[in-house]
Every structure is written in C-alpha cells, then in structure tokens.
Amino acid sequence: MGLPVLIMGKSGSGKSTSLRNFKKGEIGIIRVLDKPFPFRNDLDSIVTDQYSKVCDILAKAKAETLVIDDAGYLITNQFMRGHSTASAGNGVFQFYNKVGDSFWKLLEFIMKKLPNNKIVYILMHEDKNEEGDIKPKTIGKMLDEKVCVEGMFTICLRSGVKNGKYVFYTNTTDHDVSKTPMGMFEEETIDNDLKMVNETIREYYNLGENNDEKH
C-alpha cells in the first residue's frame, strides 16, 4: 500500500517551501492551485483540481515520491463549484456527503491502490475548532466528525516558525495533531526540508527508491 503523509500549517508557514531541496526528476508534483512556488526551481508539475485526474496521475507516475500541493483546495473548489446549485434539505446533505466522500476516497486510493514504495505528501492549510484543536482545514462536518482526516495518517507534520526559523513539528506541542512513529525523529522540531523528511521515512520503513527514471 502507498503511504500518505500529512503536512499542514498556516499560509506562509513553509509547506510549499519545504520542497526546495528536491531536484528535477526526484519528485512528482500535483498543484491544485495554479500558482508559482515560493522559491526558484525547475521542478516539473501538473495542475489539476479534479479527483479523477489526481488519482490517474498518482497511479501512472514513475516518481516514487509524490506531492499534492494545496490539497485542501480539492475540497474547497468542489464545494464552491457545487454549493449554489445544491437543492434545499436532503440535497444539501447529499452534496456535503459527496464533498467529504471524494477526499476520503482519494486517501483510500493512495493507501490501497498505490505500491508500497510510493509516498504521497498531502499539503493542507490548518484550522482551529471551537475546542482549540488544530487540524487540517476542511469543509463541513463530514470529514471532521465522521472520518477524522488526520486519523488516516501515521505521519502528520505541522509547519511553523520557531526562533525565526521555519520548522516542522514532529509531535503535538499543545492542541495540534502532529505525530510521527516512535524513533523516526529524535527532536520535537526539525528543519522544514521535505527531502530530508522523505529520506528519513524511507530509511525508517525500508522503502527503496529508484532515482534512475522519473515521471
């Protein structure tokens, strides 16, 4: 099965910037929003917010390390395109179910349909609920209450700034959902370098990676 990894944080906290050390051909990138990266690069990427195309790209990608940047906008864009045409009552309920179901099916696809050596990083904005818990930002209660998105991930890193340095939090510091397996990272915070994170995860789980041919 493929391994989904959640990277969440506020806008500008270093999620996309964490890709900066990957070289062309080392990673496959899906950009949900057609906006430039916040650093100079020659990385190849495909822009789409269609779930069917995302799954098709993931399945056919030669790269074994993959990223869905701004993945939360898969949910947002589907909602914004359809909420005004959803009828009242049961129609609205069914529409919210569809929005939640689509994202859940994407995570299920990664875990059940992709080969064992595939790692897919899901980059999402964070949100805070009424209890003060910091979780990935979604829409409606379907994903938050019925699914618990973060519960579908073994590894959840939260991006942020500590002492003027961009970092990833490896385990919860208060109300956030950061978590990593025992012994994977020794420190509470690490540099927000996704290439280093990827190498660490592959070594921890003994997931080989062939860098001879990508895409």
C-alpha atoms as a PDB file:
ATOM      1  CA  MET A   1       0.000   0.000   0.000  1.00  0.00           C
ATOM      2  CA  GLY A   2       1.077   3.604  -0.569  1.00  0.00           C
ATOM      3  CA  LEU A   3       1.966   5.865   2.332  1.00  0.00           C
ATOM      4  CA  PRO A   4       0.139   9.211   2.665  1.00  0.00           C
ATOM      5  CA  VAL A   5       1.912  11.823   4.799  1.00  0.00           C
ATOM      6  CA  LEU A   6       0.112  14.948   6.016  1.00  0.00           C
ATOM      7  CA  ILE A   7       1.907  18.304   6.026  1.00  0.00           C
ATOM      8  CA  MET A   8      -0.287  21.033   7.482  1.00  0.00           C
ATOM      9  CA  GLY A   9       0.230  24.616   8.537  1.00  0.00           C
ATOM     10  CA  LYS A  10      -0.820  28.216   8.144  1.00  0.00           C
ATOM     11  CA  SER A  11      -0.397  30.017   4.851  1.00  0.00           C
ATOM     12  CA  GLY A  12       3.212  31.186   4.570  1.00  0.00           C
ATOM     13  CA  SER A  13       4.487  28.773   7.219  1.00  0.00           C
ATOM     14  CA  GLY A  14       6.762  26.877   4.844  1.00  0.00           C
ATOM     15  CA  LYS A  15       4.717  23.985   3.447  1.00  0.00           C
ATOM     16  CA  SER A  16       5.499  24.537  -0.234  1.00  0.00           C
ATOM     17  CA  THR A  17       8.953  25.928   0.553  1.00  0.00           C
ATOM     18  CA  SER A  18       9.835  22.569   2.090  1.00  0.00           C
ATOM     19  CA  LEU A  19      10.143  21.206  -1.478  1.00  0.00           C
ATOM     20  CA  ARG A  20      13.092  23.490  -2.218  1.00  0.00           C
ATOM     21  CA  ASN A  21      15.851  20.852  -1.982  1.00  0.00           C
ATOM     22  CA  PHE A  22      14.337  18.390  -4.424  1.00  0.00           C
ATOM     23  CA  LYS A  23      15.955  18.336  -7.843  1.00  0.00           C
ATOM     24  CA  LYS A  24      14.191  17.983 -11.162  1.00  0.00           C
ATOM     25  CA  GLY A  25      13.145  14.364 -11.637  1.00  0.00           C
ATOM     26  CA  GLU A  26      13.288  13.409  -7.960  1.00  0.00           C
ATOM     27  CA  ILE A  27       9.637  14.113  -7.197  1.00  0.00           C
ATOM     28  CA  GLY A  28       6.248  14.213  -8.903  1.00  0.00           C
ATOM     29  CA  ILE A  29       4.159  17.274  -8.036  1.00  0.00           C
ATOM     30  CA  ILE A  30       0.446  17.906  -8.446  1.00  0.00           C
ATOM     31  CA  ARG A  31      -0.534  21.537  -7.877  1.00  0.00           C
ATOM     32  CA  VAL A  32      -4.205  22.021  -7.097  1.00  0.00           C
ATOM     33  CA  LEU A  33      -3.829  25.795  -7.474  1.00  0.00           C
ATOM     34  CA  ASP A  34      -2.004  27.235 -10.463  1.00  0.00           C
ATOM     35  CA  LYS A  35       0.335  29.498  -8.547  1.00  0.00           C
ATOM     36  CA  PRO A  36       4.158  29.649  -8.617  1.00  0.00           C
ATOM     37  CA  PHE A  37       6.329  28.086  -5.947  1.00  0.00           C
ATOM     38  CA  PRO A  38       7.825  30.477  -3.366  1.00  0.00           C
ATOM     39  CA  PHE A  39      11.379  29.638  -4.478  1.00  0.00           C
ATOM     40  CA  ARG A  40      13.317  29.411  -7.738  1.00  0.00           C
ATOM     41  CA  ASN A  41      13.237  25.936  -9.255  1.00  0.00           C
ATOM     42  CA  ASP A  42      12.958  23.829 -12.381  1.00  0.00           C
ATOM     43  CA  LEU A  43      10.636  21.207 -10.870  1.00  0.00           C
ATOM     44  CA  ASP A  44       8.037  19.633 -13.145  1.00  0.00           C
ATOM     45  CA  SER A  45       4.423  19.730 -12.002  1.00  0.00           C
ATOM     46  CA  ILE A  46       0.878  19.176 -13.229  1.00  0.00           C
ATOM     47  CA  VAL A  47      -2.001  21.492 -12.320  1.00  0.00           C
ATOM     48  CA  THR A  48      -5.430  19.976 -11.675  1.00  0.00           C
ATOM     49  CA  ASP A  49      -8.202  20.062  -9.082  1.00  0.00           C
ATOM     50  CA  GLN A  50     -10.082  17.063 -10.480  1.00  0.00           C
ATOM     51  CA  TYR A  51     -10.021  13.985  -8.244  1.00  0.00           C
ATOM     52  CA  SER A  52     -10.133  11.550 -11.163  1.00  0.00           C
ATOM     53  CA  LYS A  53      -7.111  13.146 -12.795  1.00  0.00           C
ATOM     54  CA  VAL A  54      -5.217  13.309  -9.497  1.00  0.00           C
ATOM     55  CA  CYS A  55      -5.710   9.568  -8.977  1.00  0.00           C
ATOM     56  CA  ASP A  56      -4.728   8.845 -12.589  1.00  0.00           C
ATOM     57  CA  ILE A  57      -1.511  10.862 -12.213  1.00  0.00           C
ATOM     58  CA  LEU A  58      -0.642   9.134  -8.945  1.00  0.00           C
ATOM     59  CA  ALA A  59      -1.218   5.699 -10.467  1.00  0.00           C
ATOM     60  CA  LYS A  60       0.860   6.347 -13.602  1.00  0.00           C
ATOM     61  CA  ALA A  61       3.676   8.407 -12.071  1.00  0.00           C
ATOM     62  CA  LYS A  62       7.151   6.917 -12.389  1.00  0.00           C
ATOM     63  CA  ALA A  63       8.304   9.019  -9.446  1.00  0.00           C
ATOM     64  CA  GLU A  64       8.056   7.178  -6.147  1.00  0.00           C
ATOM     65  CA  THR A  65       7.825  10.380  -4.102  1.00  0.00           C
ATOM     66  CA  LEU A  66       4.756  12.477  -4.891  1.00  0.00           C
ATOM     67  CA  VAL A  67       3.220  15.687  -3.576  1.00  0.00           C
ATOM     68  CA  ILE A  68      -0.279  17.143  -3.757  1.00  0.00           C
ATOM     69  CA  ASP A  69       0.292  20.821  -3.010  1.00  0.00           C
ATOM     70  CA  ASP A  70      -2.648  22.845  -1.641  1.00  0.00           C
ATOM     71  CA  ALA A  71      -4.636  19.600  -1.380  1.00  0.00           C
ATOM     72  CA  GLY A  72      -7.304  21.269   0.746  1.00  0.00           C
ATOM     73  CA  TYR A  73      -8.437  23.177  -2.330  1.00  0.00           C
ATOM     74  CA  LEU A  74      -9.640  19.903  -3.821  1.00  0.00           C
ATOM     75  CA  ILE A  75     -12.344  20.164  -1.170  1.00  0.00           C
ATOM     76  CA  THR A  76     -12.804  23.930  -1.457  1.00  0.00           C
ATOM     77  CA  ASN A  77     -13.028  24.008  -5.246  1.00  0.00           C
ATOM     78  CA  GLN A  78     -15.518  21.142  -5.375  1.00  0.00           C
ATOM     79  CA  PHE A  79     -17.627  22.916  -2.762  1.00  0.00           C
ATOM     80  CA  MET A  80     -17.511  26.317  -4.456  1.00  0.00           C
ATOM     81  CA  ARG A  81     -18.489  24.868  -7.825  1.00  0.00           C
ATOM     82  CA  GLY A  82     -21.476  22.981  -6.481  1.00  0.00           C
ATOM     83  CA  HIS A  83     -22.897  24.529  -3.320  1.00  0.00           C
ATOM     84  CA  SER A  84     -25.068  27.127  -5.082  1.00  0.00           C
ATOM     85  CA  THR A  85     -26.803  24.506  -7.225  1.00  0.00           C
ATOM     86  CA  ALA A  86     -27.486  22.033  -4.419  1.00  0.00           C
ATOM     87  CA  SER A  87     -31.180  21.940  -3.656  1.00  0.00           C
ATOM     88  CA  ALA A  88     -32.545  22.522  -0.170  1.00  0.00           C
ATOM     89  CA  GLY A  89     -32.989  19.925   2.522  1.00  0.00           C
ATOM     90  CA  ASN A  90     -31.742  16.454   1.663  1.00  0.00           C
ATOM     91  CA  GLY A  91     -29.993  17.762  -1.462  1.00  0.00           C
ATOM     92  CA  VAL A  92     -27.662  19.912   0.613  1.00  0.00           C
ATOM     93  CA  PHE A  93     -26.932  16.989   2.921  1.00  0.00           C
ATOM     94  CA  GLN A  94     -26.099  14.771  -0.038  1.00  0.00           C
ATOM     95  CA  PHE A  95     -23.841  17.454  -1.514  1.00  0.00           C
ATOM     96  CA  TYR A  96     -21.796  17.751   1.692  1.00  0.00           C
ATOM     97  CA  ASN A  97     -21.547  13.967   1.785  1.00  0.00           C
ATOM     98  CA  LYS A  98     -20.188  13.980  -1.753  1.00  0.00           C
ATOM     99  CA  VAL A  99     -17.570  16.599  -0.881  1.00  0.00           C
ATOM    100  CA  GLY A 100     -16.375  14.584   2.105  1.00  0.00           C
ATOM    101  CA  ASP A 101     -16.594  11.274   0.289  1.00  0.00           C
ATOM    102  CA  SER A 102     -14.404  12.485  -2.592  1.00  0.00           C
ATOM    103  CA  PHE A 103     -11.479  13.398  -0.336  1.00  0.00           C
ATOM    104  CA  TRP A 104     -11.843  10.219   1.709  1.00  0.00           C
ATOM    105  CA  LYS A 105     -11.749   8.151  -1.479  1.00  0.00           C
ATOM    106  CA  LEU A 106      -8.527   9.896  -2.542  1.00  0.00           C
ATOM    107  CA  LEU A 107      -6.794   8.878   0.700  1.00  0.00           C
ATOM    108  CA  GLU A 108      -8.194   5.359   0.361  1.00  0.00           C
ATOM    109  CA  PHE A 109      -6.841   5.213  -3.192  1.00  0.00           C
ATOM    110  CA  ILE A 110      -3.359   6.173  -2.023  1.00  0.00           C
ATOM    111  CA  MET A 111      -3.342   3.605   0.758  1.00  0.00           C
ATOM    112  CA  LYS A 112      -4.924   0.703  -1.131  1.00  0.00           C
ATOM    113  CA  LYS A 113      -4.108   1.161  -4.810  1.00  0.00           C
ATOM    114  CA  LEU A 114      -0.560   2.519  -4.906  1.00  0.00           C
ATOM    115  CA  PRO A 115       2.515   0.279  -4.475  1.00  0.00           C
ATOM    116  CA  ASN A 116       4.414   0.054  -1.206  1.00  0.00           C
ATOM    117  CA  ASN A 117       7.313   2.267  -2.287  1.00  0.00           C
ATOM    118  CA  LYS A 118       5.093   5.269  -3.093  1.00  0.00           C
ATOM    119  CA  ILE A 119       4.956   8.142  -0.590  1.00  0.00           C
ATOM    120  CA  VAL A 120       2.379  10.869  -1.219  1.00  0.00           C
ATOM    121  CA  TYR A 121       2.711  14.122   0.724  1.00  0.00           C
ATOM    122  CA  ILE A 122      -0.616  15.888   1.250  1.00  0.00           C
ATOM    123  CA  LEU A 123      -0.054  19.624   1.881  1.00  0.00           C
ATOM    124  CA  MET A 124      -3.002  21.357   3.561  1.00  0.00           C
ATOM    125  CA  HIS A 125      -3.825  24.517   5.487  1.00  0.00           C
ATOM    126  CA  GLU A 126      -4.618  24.199   9.167  1.00  0.00           C
ATOM    127  CA  ASP A 127      -7.718  25.239  11.072  1.00  0.00           C
ATOM    128  CA  LYS A 128      -8.684  25.578  14.737  1.00  0.00           C
ATOM    129  CA  ASN A 129     -12.015  24.268  16.039  1.00  0.00           C
ATOM    130  CA  GLU A 130     -14.101  25.535  18.953  1.00  0.00           C
ATOM    131  CA  GLU A 131     -12.136  23.380  21.402  1.00  0.00           C
ATOM    132  CA  GLY A 132      -8.862  24.913  20.213  1.00  0.00           C
ATOM    133  CA  ASP A 133      -7.683  21.783  18.434  1.00  0.00           C
ATOM    134  CA  ILE A 134      -5.561  22.483  15.357  1.00  0.00           C
ATOM    135  CA  LYS A 135      -6.415  20.183  12.446  1.00  0.00           C
ATOM    136  CA  PRO A 136      -6.271  20.154   8.652  1.00  0.00           C
ATOM    137  CA  LYS A 137      -8.768  22.635   7.191  1.00  0.00           C
ATOM    138  CA  THR A 138     -11.818  21.014   5.598  1.00  0.00           C
ATOM    139  CA  ILE A 139     -15.423  21.990   4.844  1.00  0.00           C
ATOM    140  CA  GLY A 140     -18.475  20.737   6.714  1.00  0.00           C
ATOM    141  CA  LYS A 141     -18.711  18.125   9.451  1.00  0.00           C
ATOM    142  CA  MET A 142     -18.493  15.008   7.298  1.00  0.00           C
ATOM    143  CA  LEU A 143     -14.688  14.826   7.247  1.00  0.00           C
ATOM    144  CA  ASP A 144     -14.115  16.241  10.738  1.00  0.00           C
ATOM    145  CA  GLU A 145     -16.689  14.220  12.671  1.00  0.00           C
ATOM    146  CA  LYS A 146     -17.275  11.081  10.619  1.00  0.00           C
ATOM    147  CA  VAL A 147     -13.856  10.491   9.096  1.00  0.00           C
ATOM    148  CA  CYS A 148     -11.233  12.371  11.177  1.00  0.00           C
ATOM    149  CA  VAL A 149      -8.835  13.139   8.341  1.00  0.00           C
ATOM    150  CA  GLU A 150      -5.699  13.204  10.473  1.00  0.00           C
ATOM    151  CA  GLY A 151      -6.574   9.737  11.785  1.00  0.00           C
ATOM    152  CA  MET A 152      -5.916   8.330   8.294  1.00  0.00           C
ATOM    153  CA  PHE A 153      -2.252   9.337   8.559  1.00  0.00           C
ATOM    154  CA  THR A 154       0.531   7.746  10.610  1.00  0.00           C
ATOM    155  CA  ILE A 155       2.756  10.772   9.966  1.00  0.00           C
ATOM    156  CA  CYS A 156       1.464  14.333  10.405  1.00  0.00           C
ATOM    157  CA  LEU A 157       3.968  17.199  10.373  1.00  0.00           C
ATOM    158  CA  ARG A 158       2.962  20.754  11.179  1.00  0.00           C
ATOM    159  CA  SER A 159       4.874  23.629   9.598  1.00  0.00           C
ATOM    160  CA  GLY A 160       5.640  26.742  11.603  1.00  0.00           C
ATOM    161  CA  VAL A 161       8.242  29.250  12.709  1.00  0.00           C
ATOM    162  CA  LYS A 162      10.323  28.799  15.861  1.00  0.00           C
ATOM    163  CA  ASN A 163      13.001  31.272  16.930  1.00  0.00           C
ATOM    164  CA  GLY A 164      12.857  32.864  13.495  1.00  0.00           C
ATOM    165  CA  LYS A 165      13.423  29.558  11.679  1.00  0.00           C
ATOM    166  CA  TYR A 166      10.972  27.609   9.544  1.00  0.00           C
ATOM    167  CA  VAL A 167      10.455  24.162  11.067  1.00  0.00           C
ATOM    168  CA  PHE A 168       8.298  21.060  11.100  1.00  0.00           C
ATOM    169  CA  TYR A 169       6.825  19.965  14.427  1.00  0.00           C
ATOM    170  CA  THR A 170       7.180  16.192  14.693  1.00  0.00           C
ATOM    171  CA  ASN A 171       4.843  15.615  17.633  1.00  0.00           C
ATOM    172  CA  THR A 172       1.993  17.512  19.234  1.00  0.00           C
ATOM    173  CA  THR A 173       3.052  20.505  21.302  1.00  0.00           C
ATOM    174  CA  ASP A 174      -0.379  21.531  22.544  1.00  0.00           C
ATOM    175  CA  HIS A 175      -3.629  21.128  20.636  1.00  0.00           C
ATOM    176  CA  ASP A 176      -2.288  20.262  17.192  1.00  0.00           C
ATOM    177  CA  VAL A 177      -2.321  16.805  15.608  1.00  0.00           C
ATOM    178  CA  SER A 178       1.389  16.465  14.799  1.00  0.00           C
ATOM    179  CA  LYS A 179       2.589  12.882  15.153  1.00  0.00           C
ATOM    180  CA  THR A 180       5.368  10.595  13.944  1.00  0.00           C
ATOM    181  CA  PRO A 181       6.272   6.965  14.720  1.00  0.00           C
ATOM    182  CA  MET A 182       8.479   6.254  17.716  1.00  0.00           C
ATOM    183  CA  GLY A 183      12.150   6.764  16.921  1.00  0.00           C
ATOM    184  CA  MET A 184      11.647   8.310  13.487  1.00  0.00           C
ATOM    185  CA  PHE A 185      12.688  11.783  14.656  1.00  0.00           C
ATOM    186  CA  GLU A 186      14.568  12.462  17.864  1.00  0.00           C
ATOM    187  CA  GLU A 187      13.681  16.150  18.144  1.00  0.00           C
ATOM    188  CA  GLU A 188      10.390  17.977  18.604  1.00  0.00           C
ATOM    189  CA  THR A 189      11.211  20.301  15.717  1.00  0.00           C
ATOM    190  CA  ILE A 190      13.223  19.673  12.561  1.00  0.00           C
ATOM    191  CA  ASP A 191      14.201  21.776   9.559  1.00  0.00           C
ATOM    192  CA  ASN A 192      11.316  22.129   7.091  1.00  0.00           C
ATOM    193  CA  ASP A 193      13.205  20.152   4.467  1.00  0.00           C
ATOM    194  CA  LEU A 194      10.846  17.657   2.867  1.00  0.00           C
ATOM    195  CA  LYS A 195      13.654  15.908   1.012  1.00  0.00           C
ATOM    196  CA  MET A 196      15.349  15.127   4.336  1.00  0.00           C
ATOM    197  CA  VAL A 197      11.997  14.031   5.769  1.00  0.00           C
ATOM    198  CA  ASN A 198      11.421  11.768   2.776  1.00  0.00           C
ATOM    199  CA  GLU A 199      14.838  10.130   3.162  1.00  0.00           C
ATOM    200  CA  THR A 200      14.192   9.591   6.876  1.00  0.00           C
ATOM    201  CA  ILE A 201      10.782   7.997   6.278  1.00  0.00           C
ATOM    202  CA  ARG A 202      12.165   5.708   3.570  1.00  0.00           C
ATOM    203  CA  GLU A 203      15.019   4.589   5.818  1.00  0.00           C
ATOM    204  CA  TYR A 204      12.663   4.037   8.775  1.00  0.00           C
ATOM    205  CA  TYR A 205      10.264   1.849   6.786  1.00  0.00           C
ATOM    206  CA  ASN A 206      12.945   0.395   4.494  1.00  0.00           C
ATOM    207  CA  LEU A 207      11.240   1.769   1.391  1.00  0.00           C
ATOM    208  CA  GLY A 208      13.666   1.696  -1.506  1.00  0.00           C
ATOM    209  CA  GLU A 209      13.607   4.385  -4.167  1.00  0.00           C
ATOM    210  CA  ASN A 210      14.864   4.126  -7.746  1.00  0.00           C
ATOM    211  CA  ASN A 211      16.051   7.507  -8.925  1.00  0.00           C
ATOM    212  CA  ASP A 212      17.179   6.372 -12.379  1.00  0.00           C
ATOM    213  CA  GLU A 213      13.902   7.199 -14.121  1.00  0.00           C
ATOM    214  CA  LYS A 214      11.163   9.550 -13.017  1.00  0.00           C
ATOM    215  CA  HIS A 215       7.901  10.802 -14.457  1.00  0.00           C
END
